[in-house]
Protein backbone atom coordinates (compact mmCIF):
# COMPACT_ATOMS: atom_id res chain seq x y z
CA MET A 1 1.35 -14.97 6.46
CA PRO A 2 4.31 -13.54 4.52
CA LEU A 3 4.23 -9.81 3.87
CA HIS A 4 3.13 -8.53 0.47
CA ILE A 5 6.13 -7.19 -1.52
CA GLY A 6 5.68 -4.15 -3.77
CA ILE A 7 8.20 -3.68 -6.59
CA VAL A 8 8.65 -0.14 -7.93
CA GLY A 9 9.95 -0.96 -11.38
CA CYS A 10 11.97 1.25 -13.70
CA SER A 11 13.68 -0.75 -16.46
CA ALA A 12 12.09 -4.02 -17.54
CA GLU A 13 15.08 -6.37 -17.44
CA GLY A 14 16.18 -5.39 -13.92
CA ALA A 15 12.65 -5.43 -12.52
CA ALA A 16 11.99 -8.81 -14.12
CA LEU A 17 15.17 -10.30 -12.64
CA CYS A 18 14.20 -9.04 -9.18
CA TYR A 19 10.69 -10.47 -9.55
CA ARG A 20 11.95 -13.82 -10.83
CA THR A 21 14.44 -14.09 -7.98
CA ILE A 22 11.75 -13.45 -5.36
CA CYS A 23 9.48 -16.07 -6.90
CA ALA A 24 12.20 -18.68 -7.51
CA GLU A 25 13.90 -18.34 -4.13
CA GLY A 26 10.66 -18.03 -2.18
CA ALA A 27 10.41 -21.80 -2.30
CA ARG A 28 13.56 -22.01 -0.16
CA LEU A 29 11.56 -20.38 2.64
CA LEU A 30 7.99 -21.45 2.02
CA GLY A 31 8.04 -24.76 0.17
CA ALA A 32 7.72 -25.95 -3.41
CA HIS A 33 6.35 -23.30 -5.80
CA ALA A 34 5.55 -20.93 -2.92
CA HIS A 35 6.54 -17.28 -2.60
CA PRO A 36 5.19 -14.15 -0.93
CA GLU A 37 2.54 -12.12 -2.70
CA VAL A 38 4.19 -9.70 -5.13
CA SER A 39 2.82 -6.68 -6.98
CA MET A 40 4.79 -4.51 -9.41
CA HIS A 41 4.14 -1.17 -11.04
CA THR A 42 6.28 0.78 -13.47
CA PRO A 43 5.66 3.84 -15.63
CA SER A 44 7.31 4.16 -19.00
CA LEU A 45 11.10 4.06 -18.72
CA ALA A 46 11.19 7.03 -21.11
CA ARG A 47 9.63 9.22 -18.41
CA TYR A 48 12.41 8.34 -15.99
CA VAL A 49 15.10 8.91 -18.61
CA ALA A 50 13.69 12.34 -19.47
CA CYS A 51 13.88 13.37 -15.80
CA LEU A 52 17.40 11.98 -15.38
CA ASP A 53 18.65 13.72 -18.53
CA ARG A 54 17.58 17.10 -17.17
CA GLY A 55 18.72 16.38 -13.59
CA ASP A 56 15.14 16.52 -12.31
CA LEU A 57 15.22 14.42 -9.14
CA ASP A 58 11.87 15.84 -8.03
CA GLY A 59 10.40 14.43 -11.24
CA VAL A 60 12.04 11.05 -10.59
CA ALA A 61 10.62 11.11 -7.05
CA GLU A 62 7.10 11.83 -8.32
CA LEU A 63 7.27 8.82 -10.63
CA MET A 64 8.47 6.61 -7.78
CA LEU A 65 5.75 7.95 -5.47
CA GLY A 66 3.12 7.35 -8.13
CA SER A 67 4.12 3.70 -8.18
CA ALA A 68 4.26 3.60 -4.38
CA ARG A 69 0.69 4.86 -4.07
CA LYS A 70 -0.62 2.34 -6.57
CA LEU A 71 1.19 -0.51 -4.83
CA ALA A 72 -0.13 0.62 -1.45
CA ALA A 73 -3.64 0.54 -2.92
CA ALA A 74 -2.93 -2.98 -4.18
CA GLY A 75 -2.16 -4.09 -0.63
CA ALA A 76 1.64 -4.14 -0.55
CA ASP A 77 3.23 -3.98 2.91
CA PHE A 78 6.60 -2.52 1.88
CA LEU A 79 8.49 -1.50 -1.26
CA VAL A 80 11.70 -2.25 -3.13
CA CYS A 81 13.05 -0.58 -6.25
CA PRO A 82 15.34 -2.73 -8.43
CA ASP A 83 16.98 0.26 -10.05
CA ASN A 84 20.12 1.77 -8.57
CA THR A 85 20.14 4.99 -10.59
CA ILE A 86 16.79 6.36 -9.43
CA HIS A 87 17.80 5.89 -5.79
CA GLN A 88 19.36 9.34 -6.24
CA ALA A 89 15.83 10.59 -5.55
CA PHE A 90 15.33 8.44 -2.45
CA SER A 91 15.61 11.35 -0.02
CA HIS A 92 12.77 13.06 -1.94
CA VAL A 93 10.63 9.94 -1.60
CA GLU A 94 11.09 8.29 1.77
CA SER A 95 9.30 10.78 4.02
CA ARG A 96 6.36 11.14 1.59
CA SER A 97 5.84 7.48 0.82
CA PRO A 98 2.71 5.64 1.97
CA LEU A 99 4.85 2.56 2.66
CA PRO A 100 8.37 1.81 3.99
CA TRP A 101 11.17 0.97 1.56
CA LEU A 102 14.32 -1.11 1.51
CA HIS A 103 17.22 0.90 0.02
CA ILE A 104 19.20 -1.11 -2.53
CA ALA A 105 22.59 0.40 -1.61
CA ASP A 106 21.99 -0.21 2.11
CA GLU A 107 21.36 -3.88 1.37
CA VAL A 108 24.49 -4.14 -0.79
CA ALA A 109 26.55 -2.37 1.88
CA ARG A 110 25.25 -4.75 4.54
CA VAL A 111 26.22 -7.81 2.50
CA ALA A 112 29.62 -6.31 1.64
CA ALA A 113 30.34 -5.74 5.34
CA GLU A 114 29.19 -9.25 6.26
CA ARG A 115 31.52 -10.69 3.62
CA GLY A 116 34.44 -8.61 4.90
CA PHE A 117 35.01 -6.42 1.83
CA GLY A 118 36.79 -3.12 2.42
CA ARG A 119 37.17 -1.47 -1.00
CA LEU A 120 34.58 -1.78 -3.76
CA GLY A 121 34.52 -0.75 -7.38
CA ILE A 122 31.22 0.74 -8.58
CA THR A 123 29.74 -0.07 -11.98
CA GLY A 124 26.48 1.24 -13.40
CA THR A 125 25.01 4.05 -15.45
CA ARG A 126 26.80 7.38 -15.70
CA TRP A 127 24.05 8.88 -13.55
CA LEU A 128 24.69 6.29 -10.83
CA VAL A 129 28.49 6.26 -10.76
CA ASP A 130 28.63 10.06 -10.78
CA SER A 131 26.30 10.16 -7.76
CA ASP A 132 26.82 9.56 -4.05
CA VAL A 133 24.25 6.74 -3.83
CA TYR A 134 26.89 4.09 -3.13
CA PRO A 135 29.79 6.13 -1.68
CA GLU A 136 27.58 7.51 1.12
CA ARG A 137 25.98 4.19 2.05
CA LEU A 138 29.25 2.29 1.87
CA ALA A 139 31.13 4.90 3.87
CA ALA A 140 28.55 4.49 6.63
CA MET A 141 29.78 0.89 6.88
CA ASN A 142 33.46 1.96 6.73
CA ILE A 143 33.81 0.62 3.20
CA GLU A 144 35.78 2.56 0.59
CA SER A 145 34.47 2.90 -2.97
CA LEU A 146 36.16 3.67 -6.28
CA ARG A 147 34.61 4.97 -9.51
CA PRO A 148 35.60 4.01 -13.08
CA SER A 149 37.42 6.41 -15.38
CA ALA A 150 35.38 8.95 -17.32
CA ALA A 151 35.80 6.99 -20.55
CA ASP A 152 34.70 3.76 -18.88
CA ARG A 153 31.67 5.51 -17.37
CA ASP A 154 30.61 6.67 -20.82
CA GLU A 155 31.00 3.24 -22.40
CA MET A 156 29.19 1.45 -19.57
CA ALA A 157 26.35 3.96 -19.82
CA ARG A 158 26.05 3.40 -23.56
CA ILE A 159 25.97 -0.37 -23.15
CA ILE A 160 23.42 -0.25 -20.34
CA MET A 161 20.99 2.14 -22.00
CA ASP A 162 21.39 1.04 -25.64
CA GLU A 163 21.78 -2.70 -25.07
CA LEU A 164 21.12 -4.22 -21.65
CA VAL A 165 17.84 -2.46 -20.82
CA CYS A 166 16.66 -3.47 -24.30
CA GLY A 167 17.46 -7.15 -23.70
CA ILE A 168 20.53 -7.09 -25.98
CA PHE A 169 23.49 -9.02 -24.55
CA ARG A 170 26.63 -8.94 -26.68
CA PRO A 171 30.08 -10.45 -25.99
CA THR A 172 31.57 -6.99 -26.45
CA ALA A 173 29.49 -5.71 -23.54
CA THR A 174 30.70 -8.51 -21.28
CA ALA A 175 34.29 -7.82 -22.34
CA CYS A 176 33.92 -4.12 -21.50
CA PHE A 177 32.68 -4.80 -18.00
CA GLN A 178 35.36 -7.45 -17.47
CA ARG A 179 38.02 -4.92 -18.41
CA VAL A 180 36.59 -2.31 -16.02
CA ILE A 181 36.48 -4.86 -13.20
CA GLU A 182 40.08 -5.89 -13.90
CA SER A 183 41.07 -2.22 -13.59
CA PHE A 184 39.36 -2.09 -10.19
CA LYS A 185 41.35 -5.14 -9.13
CA GLN A 186 44.57 -3.40 -10.16
CA ARG A 187 43.51 -0.41 -8.03
CA GLY A 188 43.17 -2.57 -4.92
CA CYS A 189 39.45 -3.35 -4.84
CA ASP A 190 38.44 -6.65 -3.27
CA ALA A 191 34.95 -6.81 -4.86
CA VAL A 192 32.77 -5.00 -7.38
CA VAL A 193 29.21 -3.70 -7.09
CA LEU A 194 27.05 -4.58 -10.07
CA GLY A 195 25.29 -1.28 -9.64
CA CYS A 196 22.90 -1.52 -12.55
CA THR A 197 20.25 -4.17 -12.12
CA GLU A 198 20.86 -5.49 -15.66
CA ILE A 199 24.63 -6.06 -15.24
CA PRO A 200 24.10 -9.45 -13.49
CA LEU A 201 22.63 -10.69 -16.76
CA ILE A 202 26.14 -10.62 -18.28
CA ILE A 203 28.57 -10.55 -15.31
CA ASN A 204 28.87 -12.91 -12.34
CA ASP A 205 31.51 -14.48 -10.14
CA ALA A 206 32.36 -17.00 -12.86
CA ASN A 207 33.50 -14.40 -15.41
CA SER A 208 34.62 -11.54 -13.16
CA ALA A 209 38.14 -10.80 -11.91
CA LEU A 210 36.63 -9.81 -8.55
CA PRO A 211 33.82 -11.18 -6.38
CA THR A 212 30.57 -9.57 -7.45
CA LEU A 213 27.87 -7.93 -5.37
CA ASP A 214 24.74 -8.52 -7.43
CA SER A 215 22.52 -5.62 -6.37
CA THR A 216 19.43 -7.10 -8.02
CA ARG A 217 19.50 -10.44 -6.26
CA ILE A 218 20.72 -8.92 -2.99
CA LEU A 219 17.66 -6.65 -2.98
CA ALA A 220 15.32 -9.51 -3.91
CA ARG A 221 16.70 -11.65 -1.07
CA ALA A 222 16.40 -8.75 1.35
CA ALA A 223 12.76 -8.41 0.32
CA LEU A 224 12.23 -12.10 0.97
CA GLY A 225 13.88 -11.75 4.36
CA ARG A 226 11.60 -8.82 5.20
CA ALA A 227 8.53 -10.70 4.00
CA VAL A 228 9.39 -13.92 5.86
CA PRO A 229 11.59 -12.76 8.77
CA GLU A 230 11.49 -16.05 10.68
CA ALA A 231 13.21 -17.79 7.75
CA ARG A 232 15.77 -15.07 6.93
CA GLY A 233 18.75 -17.24 7.90
CA GLN A 234 17.96 -19.70 5.11
CA LEU A 235 18.74 -17.16 2.37
CA PRO A 236 22.13 -16.94 0.60
CA LEU A 237 24.30 -14.08 1.83
CA GLY A 238 24.33 -12.51 -1.62
């Protein structure tokens, strides 16, 4: 039997995309309409935002652990969190968790290495791009990472928190991210990390100046591979 996947949600759009990907692509491994058992829990996003605004990673960790305990009680075998930003608290969570986790940046780094990328631009919330979540995990794979300018970080953060997480997708938001990605290309990047799980809703390989690493779908496919290990080779690379 496939393993039971637990999703520790944070923002609705990113968590929903991860869930939909697991369910839609499960059929590739298990047959028509089939997918592993999936449970998801998320507290109010406002509680996460309040912790992030005051730099309270212990508070973020407690919210993540609260979800982890509820998902363990629901029978999940392992956990994924389709939110890059709150992975800043991962070191506060991992040793105290009732279940093992997949780390979203580890999965992105693995795919980047398999695809031969050597220098990545990082997009995401201000909290995420200011952090070492991606630089540390990418460096472990000998992959360089670049951050956007301060002004671009601020505008991306505004778009993500005021628009994307609310299900608002405007052409101006797409244009902003396209401009940031073009600047990464000019700085020598060979791919870009879509490091907010909502960014893939407006940016993909078809409208990006660089190949994209879709953190949401990469994590969902990694979860499928963990849940159905004998069929892992049938999944897209990401």
